Every structure is written in structure tokens, then in C-alpha cells.
């Protein structure tokens, strides 16, 4: 893994030097835009909207757009001077129960590895967090952007979860939230029972990226010149009850139909046997010798 940040965890006047690594990765799909007529890959260039000229990297600056349309040009040195203290240190602001942090605040996770001299205080902090049942609320700046964050322990490793600021989290205002929805207890119990019946432990390996697999199958089929068949939609777990009911109903209908056919066949066979017996009886009567009078 590649180090994305180096600094310290600051707890009061004590500092624990650490290195941060991205805990997740974004798998590339392999897709890119191209020119349909010749298959050439498309490249995007920096073009000035004033004179239409392509701009080299050394002439690219940064600016802040004002409401009236004017732009304030800012140099890299000026922006660098704004770097907060958290650019080089994860500043611990306090400790809270993890249940008090709504997951909507979380952005990205980073594994924190201690520098060799700081291994013992690092492990001490991790064990203290576990014992207290708390996460540390922190401020940190990664890639020049200061964010809130939380330090938690995962498999003996301290993990930094960067978080949105409260002003970045939208407040929902959907009409149904202002309505008084009447729920009946039988409906609620049935829904709760369904959830209980489908409850289990989270096993990450049980879930796969269906789109990535379908894309790979499509590419393979194109390469091999095979006919591509569109996959059918997967049946979702939340429809298990309805699915079982539908299957049971279909099975019952099929059984009833089969039973009806069987009865009809049995009746037809019985009638045919009766006719056969009647013909045999008639034939036997005709062939029997007549007694003398």
C-alpha cells in the first residue's frame, strides 16, 4: 500500500507519529471514451474559454469566483499559507460513543500505522479506546482539505474515518415526513417477523459486484465473437416471502391441474374398459352354441 499522509495523532501534549494508507480502493472498470469511427481514445485538454487556446500546466492557476462574475486569482503560495495545524497532525477533540455518529457523516477510511518508536503508545491508545467503548473525534487535513474525523479500532488497528462538516449534510424535507401515517399492529408485527426471519450476520464475502461480472462477460463475449445474452434480473432477498407464496400458489395450481387431468384420464380409461368388457361379452354371447329345443 502507498502512504497517502504522514503526521501525528495529537492527544493533548503527546504526539504519536503515524502513516496513513487508504483503506479502500476504487476498481477501474476498464471503460474509456473513444472515437466511434476509428476507435481512437479521447483525451481532454485544458482549453481557455476566452481565447480557445490549449493551456500548458505551467500557465494554470487557481481562482475564486465572486457572485458578480469576477474572479480573485490565488497563488499556490497563498493557498499553502492557509494550511491548518491539522495538515500534519490528527488533533483529538474529544471522545464519544460510536452510536452517536450518524453514518451519513462518514466519507473515507484510512488505516493508521505507527512509526516504529511509537508502537507502544499507539497500542495503548487503541486498547484504551476499546476499553472505554469510545471513538475519538478529531480534525485532520488530508490533501489540503480539513475535515472532521473519527478514530476507531478495527482488528487491533486504529482507523481514521474522515467526516463531513455538519453544514455539508443535507436536511431532508420530503412531504411524507409531515404526514401522520396510520400503521396497524398486525402489519407492524408481520414486518418485524419478516425482518427477524431474514436476519443474520454480515458476511462481506457473500456479496459480489454484479455489474463488474456482467461487464467482464460482455467483453469476453465480444472478444470471442459469441452471442451476448442479456442476463435476467436477480431476485432480491426482500421478496423472499412473496416469492415463496407465489411458488407455493403456483405449485398448488399445478397440483390441482395435474390432479384434474389424472381424474379425467382415469374416467376415460374406466369408460374405455367398460366398453371393452361390453364388446367381449356381446361377442362371447354370439359365439356360444345354441341348445337343442
Protein backbone atom coordinates (compact mmCIF):
# COMPACT_ATOMS: atom_id res chain seq x y z
CA UNK A 1 0.00 0.00 0.00
CA UNK A 2 1.12 3.54 -0.72
CA UNK A 3 1.37 6.10 2.06
CA UNK A 4 -1.05 8.99 1.46
CA UNK A 5 -0.30 11.05 4.58
CA UNK A 6 2.29 11.31 7.34
CA UNK A 7 1.84 13.08 10.64
CA UNK A 8 0.97 12.53 14.27
CA UNK A 9 -2.02 11.73 16.43
CA UNK A 10 -2.13 14.57 18.92
CA UNK A 11 -3.59 13.70 22.32
CA UNK A 12 -3.09 16.75 24.49
CA UNK A 13 0.64 17.48 24.52
CA UNK A 14 1.50 13.92 23.46
CA UNK A 15 2.04 13.01 19.80
CA UNK A 16 2.05 9.57 18.16
CA UNK A 17 3.72 9.58 14.72
CA UNK A 18 1.75 7.57 12.16
CA UNK A 19 1.41 6.94 8.44
CA UNK A 20 -1.98 6.77 6.72
CA UNK A 21 -2.99 4.37 3.96
CA UNK A 22 -6.26 4.33 2.04
CA UNK A 23 -8.40 1.50 3.45
CA UNK A 24 -10.39 1.08 0.24
CA UNK A 25 -9.71 1.21 -3.47
CA UNK A 26 -11.81 2.10 -6.46
CA UNK A 27 -11.52 -0.69 -9.02
CA UNK A 28 -11.19 0.60 -12.56
CA UNK A 29 -13.88 -0.60 -14.94
CA UNK A 30 -11.55 -0.54 -17.94
CA UNK A 31 -14.03 1.61 -19.85
CA UNK A 32 -12.98 4.82 -21.61
CA UNK A 33 -14.41 7.15 -24.23
CA UNK A 34 -13.33 6.72 -27.85
CA UNK A 35 -13.95 7.96 -31.38
CA UNK A 36 -16.51 5.59 -32.91
CA UNK A 37 -15.22 5.97 -36.46
CA UNK A 38 -11.65 4.83 -35.78
CA UNK A 39 -11.54 3.65 -32.15
CA UNK A 40 -9.09 6.36 -31.10
CA UNK A 41 -9.12 7.15 -27.39
CA UNK A 42 -10.39 10.62 -26.46
CA UNK A 43 -8.18 12.92 -24.39
CA UNK A 44 -9.36 16.01 -22.57
CA UNK A 45 -7.26 19.14 -22.72
CA UNK A 46 -7.18 22.38 -20.74
CA UNK A 47 -8.72 24.96 -23.08
CA UNK A 48 -9.20 28.63 -22.18
CA UNK A 49 -12.81 29.67 -22.72
CA UNK A 50 -11.71 33.23 -23.58
CA UNK A 51 -9.29 32.66 -26.48
CA UNK A 52 -9.79 28.92 -27.10
CA UNK A 53 -6.07 28.20 -26.64
CA UNK A 54 -4.79 24.98 -25.08
CA UNK A 55 -3.05 25.91 -21.82
CA UNK A 56 0.16 24.18 -20.61
CA UNK A 57 0.38 23.12 -16.97
CA UNK A 58 2.82 25.92 -16.03
CA UNK A 59 0.21 28.54 -17.01
CA UNK A 60 -2.63 27.02 -14.98
CA UNK A 61 -3.55 28.88 -11.80
CA UNK A 62 -6.43 28.85 -9.34
CA UNK A 63 -9.12 31.41 -8.73
CA UNK A 64 -12.12 32.08 -6.51
CA UNK A 65 -15.31 33.06 -8.34
CA UNK A 66 -17.25 36.00 -6.86
CA UNK A 67 -21.06 36.29 -7.11
CA UNK A 68 -20.84 39.09 -9.67
CA UNK A 69 -18.72 37.04 -12.04
CA UNK A 70 -15.31 38.47 -11.13
CA UNK A 71 -12.51 36.10 -10.16
CA UNK A 72 -9.90 36.51 -7.42
CA UNK A 73 -6.63 34.87 -8.52
CA UNK A 74 -4.84 32.97 -5.74
CA UNK A 75 -1.27 31.71 -5.92
CA UNK A 76 -0.15 28.29 -4.70
CA UNK A 77 1.98 30.01 -2.05
CA UNK A 78 -1.04 31.90 -0.72
CA UNK A 79 -3.09 28.71 -0.58
CA UNK A 80 -0.25 26.84 1.12
CA UNK A 81 -0.13 29.51 3.83
CA UNK A 82 -3.69 28.58 4.78
CA UNK A 83 -2.69 25.04 5.75
CA UNK A 84 -4.20 24.36 9.20
CA UNK A 85 -2.38 22.74 12.08
CA UNK A 86 -4.25 19.53 11.25
CA UNK A 87 -2.28 19.29 7.98
CA UNK A 88 0.45 17.49 9.90
CA UNK A 89 -1.40 16.28 12.97
CA UNK A 90 -4.64 14.46 13.76
CA UNK A 91 -5.93 16.66 16.55
CA UNK A 92 -8.10 14.78 19.06
CA UNK A 93 -11.03 16.99 20.12
CA UNK A 94 -12.83 14.55 22.41
CA UNK A 95 -14.26 11.06 22.83
CA UNK A 96 -17.86 9.97 22.14
CA UNK A 97 -19.88 6.73 21.91
CA UNK A 98 -19.76 5.44 18.32
CA UNK A 99 -23.56 5.12 18.23
CA UNK A 100 -23.87 8.93 18.42
CA UNK A 101 -22.27 9.44 14.99
CA UNK A 102 -24.73 9.06 12.12
CA UNK A 103 -23.06 7.08 9.28
CA UNK A 104 -24.19 9.79 6.84
CA UNK A 105 -21.25 11.86 8.12
CA UNK A 106 -18.59 9.35 7.07
CA UNK A 107 -16.57 9.86 3.87
CA UNK A 108 -13.43 7.73 3.56
CA UNK A 109 -11.42 5.38 5.77
CA UNK A 110 -7.66 5.23 6.31
CA UNK A 111 -5.51 2.67 8.11
CA UNK A 112 -3.04 4.27 10.52
CA UNK A 113 0.33 2.56 11.01
CA UNK A 114 2.58 3.69 13.86
CA UNK A 115 6.17 4.67 13.26
CA UNK A 116 8.48 2.16 14.95
CA UNK A 117 9.32 4.28 18.05
CA UNK A 118 5.61 4.94 18.70
CA UNK A 119 4.30 1.37 18.61
CA UNK A 120 3.66 1.09 22.36
CA UNK A 121 1.72 4.38 22.79
CA UNK A 122 -0.20 3.54 19.61
CA UNK A 123 -1.27 0.16 21.02
CA UNK A 124 -2.06 1.82 24.35
CA UNK A 125 -4.40 4.31 22.64
CA UNK A 126 -6.11 1.51 20.70
CA UNK A 127 -6.67 -0.58 23.83
CA UNK A 128 -7.92 2.47 25.74
CA UNK A 129 -10.49 3.20 23.02
CA UNK A 130 -11.70 -0.41 23.13
CA UNK A 131 -11.88 -0.47 26.92
CA UNK A 132 -13.77 2.82 27.07
CA UNK A 133 -16.10 1.89 24.22
CA UNK A 134 -15.46 5.27 22.61
CA UNK A 135 -14.20 6.74 19.35
CA UNK A 136 -12.03 9.83 19.19
CA UNK A 137 -13.42 12.88 17.39
CA UNK A 138 -10.61 14.58 15.50
CA UNK A 139 -9.71 17.26 12.98
CA UNK A 140 -7.37 16.36 10.14
CA UNK A 141 -6.31 17.80 6.79
CA UNK A 142 -5.55 15.32 4.02
CA UNK A 143 -4.74 16.72 0.57
CA UNK A 144 -5.16 20.31 1.83
CA UNK A 145 -8.74 19.85 2.96
CA UNK A 146 -9.52 19.95 6.67
CA UNK A 147 -12.31 17.64 7.78
CA UNK A 148 -13.80 16.17 10.89
CA UNK A 149 -12.84 12.59 11.60
CA UNK A 150 -13.22 9.69 13.97
CA UNK A 151 -10.58 7.28 15.24
CA UNK A 152 -11.82 3.74 15.90
CA UNK A 153 -10.20 0.34 16.32
CA UNK A 154 -10.54 -2.44 13.75
CA UNK A 155 -8.61 -5.68 14.20
CA UNK A 156 -6.11 -4.01 16.58
CA UNK A 157 -5.54 -1.25 14.03
CA UNK A 158 -6.58 2.37 14.51
CA UNK A 159 -8.71 3.52 11.59
CA UNK A 160 -9.33 7.15 10.66
CA UNK A 161 -12.77 7.81 9.17
CA UNK A 162 -12.95 11.28 7.62
CA UNK A 163 -16.30 13.00 8.08
CA UNK A 164 -18.41 15.75 6.53
CA UNK A 165 -18.90 19.01 8.36
CA UNK A 166 -22.47 19.48 9.68
CA UNK A 167 -23.09 22.19 7.06
CA UNK A 168 -22.38 19.63 4.31
CA UNK A 169 -25.08 17.19 5.41
CA UNK A 170 -28.40 17.97 3.78
CA UNK A 171 -31.59 18.07 5.79
CA UNK A 172 -34.38 16.03 4.12
CA UNK A 173 -37.75 17.71 3.72
CA UNK A 174 -39.96 15.17 1.96
CA UNK A 175 -43.77 15.59 2.12
CA UNK A 176 -44.43 12.21 3.76
CA UNK A 177 -42.31 13.26 6.77
CA UNK A 178 -45.06 15.75 7.65
CA UNK A 179 -47.90 13.22 7.28
CA UNK A 180 -49.45 11.10 10.01
CA UNK A 181 -49.14 7.57 8.62
CA UNK A 182 -51.51 5.09 10.29
CA UNK A 183 -49.88 1.70 10.83
CA UNK A 184 -51.84 -1.26 12.16
CA UNK A 185 -50.22 -3.55 14.72
CA UNK A 186 -50.73 -6.75 12.65
CA UNK A 187 -48.89 -5.10 9.76
CA UNK A 188 -46.08 -3.97 12.03
CA UNK A 189 -45.76 -7.41 13.64
CA UNK A 190 -45.71 -9.11 10.23
CA UNK A 191 -42.98 -6.76 9.01
CA UNK A 192 -40.96 -7.27 12.19
CA UNK A 193 -41.30 -11.05 11.89
CA UNK A 194 -40.14 -10.90 8.28
CA UNK A 195 -37.06 -8.92 9.31
CA UNK A 196 -36.35 -11.37 12.13
CA UNK A 197 -36.66 -14.36 9.78
CA UNK A 198 -34.22 -12.81 7.31
CA UNK A 199 -31.75 -11.58 9.94
CA UNK A 200 -28.21 -12.89 10.11
CA UNK A 201 -24.57 -11.91 10.40
CA UNK A 202 -22.88 -9.64 7.87
CA UNK A 203 -20.52 -11.71 5.70
CA UNK A 204 -18.85 -9.34 3.20
CA UNK A 205 -17.62 -12.24 1.04
CA UNK A 206 -21.23 -13.23 0.36
CA UNK A 207 -21.75 -10.11 -1.76
CA UNK A 208 -20.24 -9.55 -5.19
CA UNK A 209 -20.23 -6.78 -7.77
CA UNK A 210 -22.77 -7.99 -10.31
CA UNK A 211 -22.09 -5.15 -12.73
CA UNK A 212 -18.36 -5.84 -12.90
CA UNK A 213 -19.01 -9.53 -13.58
CA UNK A 214 -21.58 -8.73 -16.27
CA UNK A 215 -19.21 -6.23 -17.90
CA UNK A 216 -16.41 -8.81 -17.98
CA UNK A 217 -18.76 -11.40 -19.50
CA UNK A 218 -19.82 -8.88 -22.14
CA UNK A 219 -16.21 -8.05 -23.02
CA UNK A 220 -15.25 -11.73 -23.17
CA UNK A 221 -18.21 -12.47 -25.43
CA UNK A 222 -17.25 -9.61 -27.74
CA UNK A 223 -13.66 -10.86 -27.94
CA UNK A 224 -14.74 -14.44 -28.67
CA UNK A 225 -17.46 -13.40 -31.10
CA UNK A 226 -20.18 -15.13 -29.12
CA UNK A 227 -23.81 -14.09 -28.97
CA UNK A 228 -24.40 -11.92 -25.91
CA UNK A 229 -27.44 -12.85 -23.87
CA UNK A 230 -28.90 -10.25 -21.56
CA UNK A 231 -28.98 -11.62 -18.01
CA UNK A 232 -32.30 -11.81 -16.22
CA UNK A 233 -32.90 -9.57 -13.25
CA UNK A 234 -31.81 -11.06 -9.95
CA UNK A 235 -34.44 -11.85 -7.35
CA UNK A 236 -33.83 -9.72 -4.29
CA UNK A 237 -33.85 -11.13 -0.78
CA UNK A 238 -36.52 -8.72 0.35
CA UNK A 239 -39.05 -10.56 -1.87
CA UNK A 240 -38.44 -14.00 -0.35
CA UNK A 241 -41.81 -14.20 1.38
CA UNK A 242 -43.74 -13.09 -1.69
CA UNK A 243 -41.68 -15.38 -3.89
CA UNK A 244 -42.33 -18.41 -1.69
CA UNK A 245 -46.02 -17.58 -1.58
CA UNK A 246 -46.11 -17.27 -5.36
CA UNK A 247 -44.21 -20.53 -5.81
CA UNK A 248 -46.48 -22.29 -3.33
CA UNK A 249 -49.54 -20.94 -5.11
CA UNK A 250 -48.17 -21.97 -8.50
CA UNK A 251 -47.27 -25.41 -7.18
CA UNK A 252 -50.78 -25.83 -5.75
CA UNK A 253 -52.35 -24.72 -9.03
CA UNK A 254 -50.12 -27.16 -10.90
CA UNK A 255 -51.01 -29.95 -8.49
CA UNK A 256 -54.72 -29.21 -8.84
CA UNK A 257 -54.40 -29.17 -12.61
CA UNK A 258 -52.43 -32.42 -12.63
CA UNK A 259 -54.99 -34.00 -10.32
CA UNK A 260 -57.79 -32.90 -12.64
CA UNK A 261 -56.03 -34.35 -15.65
CA UNK A 262 -55.36 -37.59 -13.79
CA UNK A 263 -59.03 -37.88 -12.81
CA UNK A 264 -60.11 -37.22 -16.39
CA UNK A 265 -57.69 -39.85 -17.69
CA UNK A 266 -58.89 -42.34 -15.08
CA UNK A 267 -62.52 -41.72 -16.01
CA UNK A 268 -61.76 -42.08 -19.70
CA UNK A 269 -59.84 -45.30 -19.05
CA UNK A 270 -62.69 -46.63 -16.92
CA UNK A 271 -65.19 -45.87 -19.67
CA UNK A 272 -62.94 -47.47 -22.29
CA UNK A 273 -62.54 -50.59 -20.14
CA UNK A 274 -66.29 -50.81 -19.69
CA UNK A 275 -66.83 -50.61 -23.45
CA UNK A 276 -64.18 -53.30 -24.00
CA UNK A 277 -65.84 -55.60 -21.48
CA UNK A 278 -69.21 -54.99 -23.09
CA UNK A 279 -67.89 -55.84 -26.56
CA UNK A 280 -66.26 -59.02 -25.25
CA UNK A 281 -69.48 -60.07 -23.55
CA UNK A 282 -71.50 -59.48 -26.73
CA UNK A 283 -69.00 -61.37 -28.86
CA UNK A 284 -68.99 -64.28 -26.41
CA UNK A 285 -72.76 -64.43 -26.41
CA UNK A 286 -72.91 -64.56 -30.21
CA UNK A 287 -70.30 -67.33 -30.47
CA UNK A 288 -71.82 -69.60 -27.80
CA UNK A 289 -73.55 -72.85 -29.24
CA UNK A 290 -77.34 -72.88 -29.13
CA UNK A 291 -79.00 -75.66 -27.06
CA UNK A 292 -81.42 -78.03 -28.91
CA UNK A 293 -85.13 -77.47 -28.37
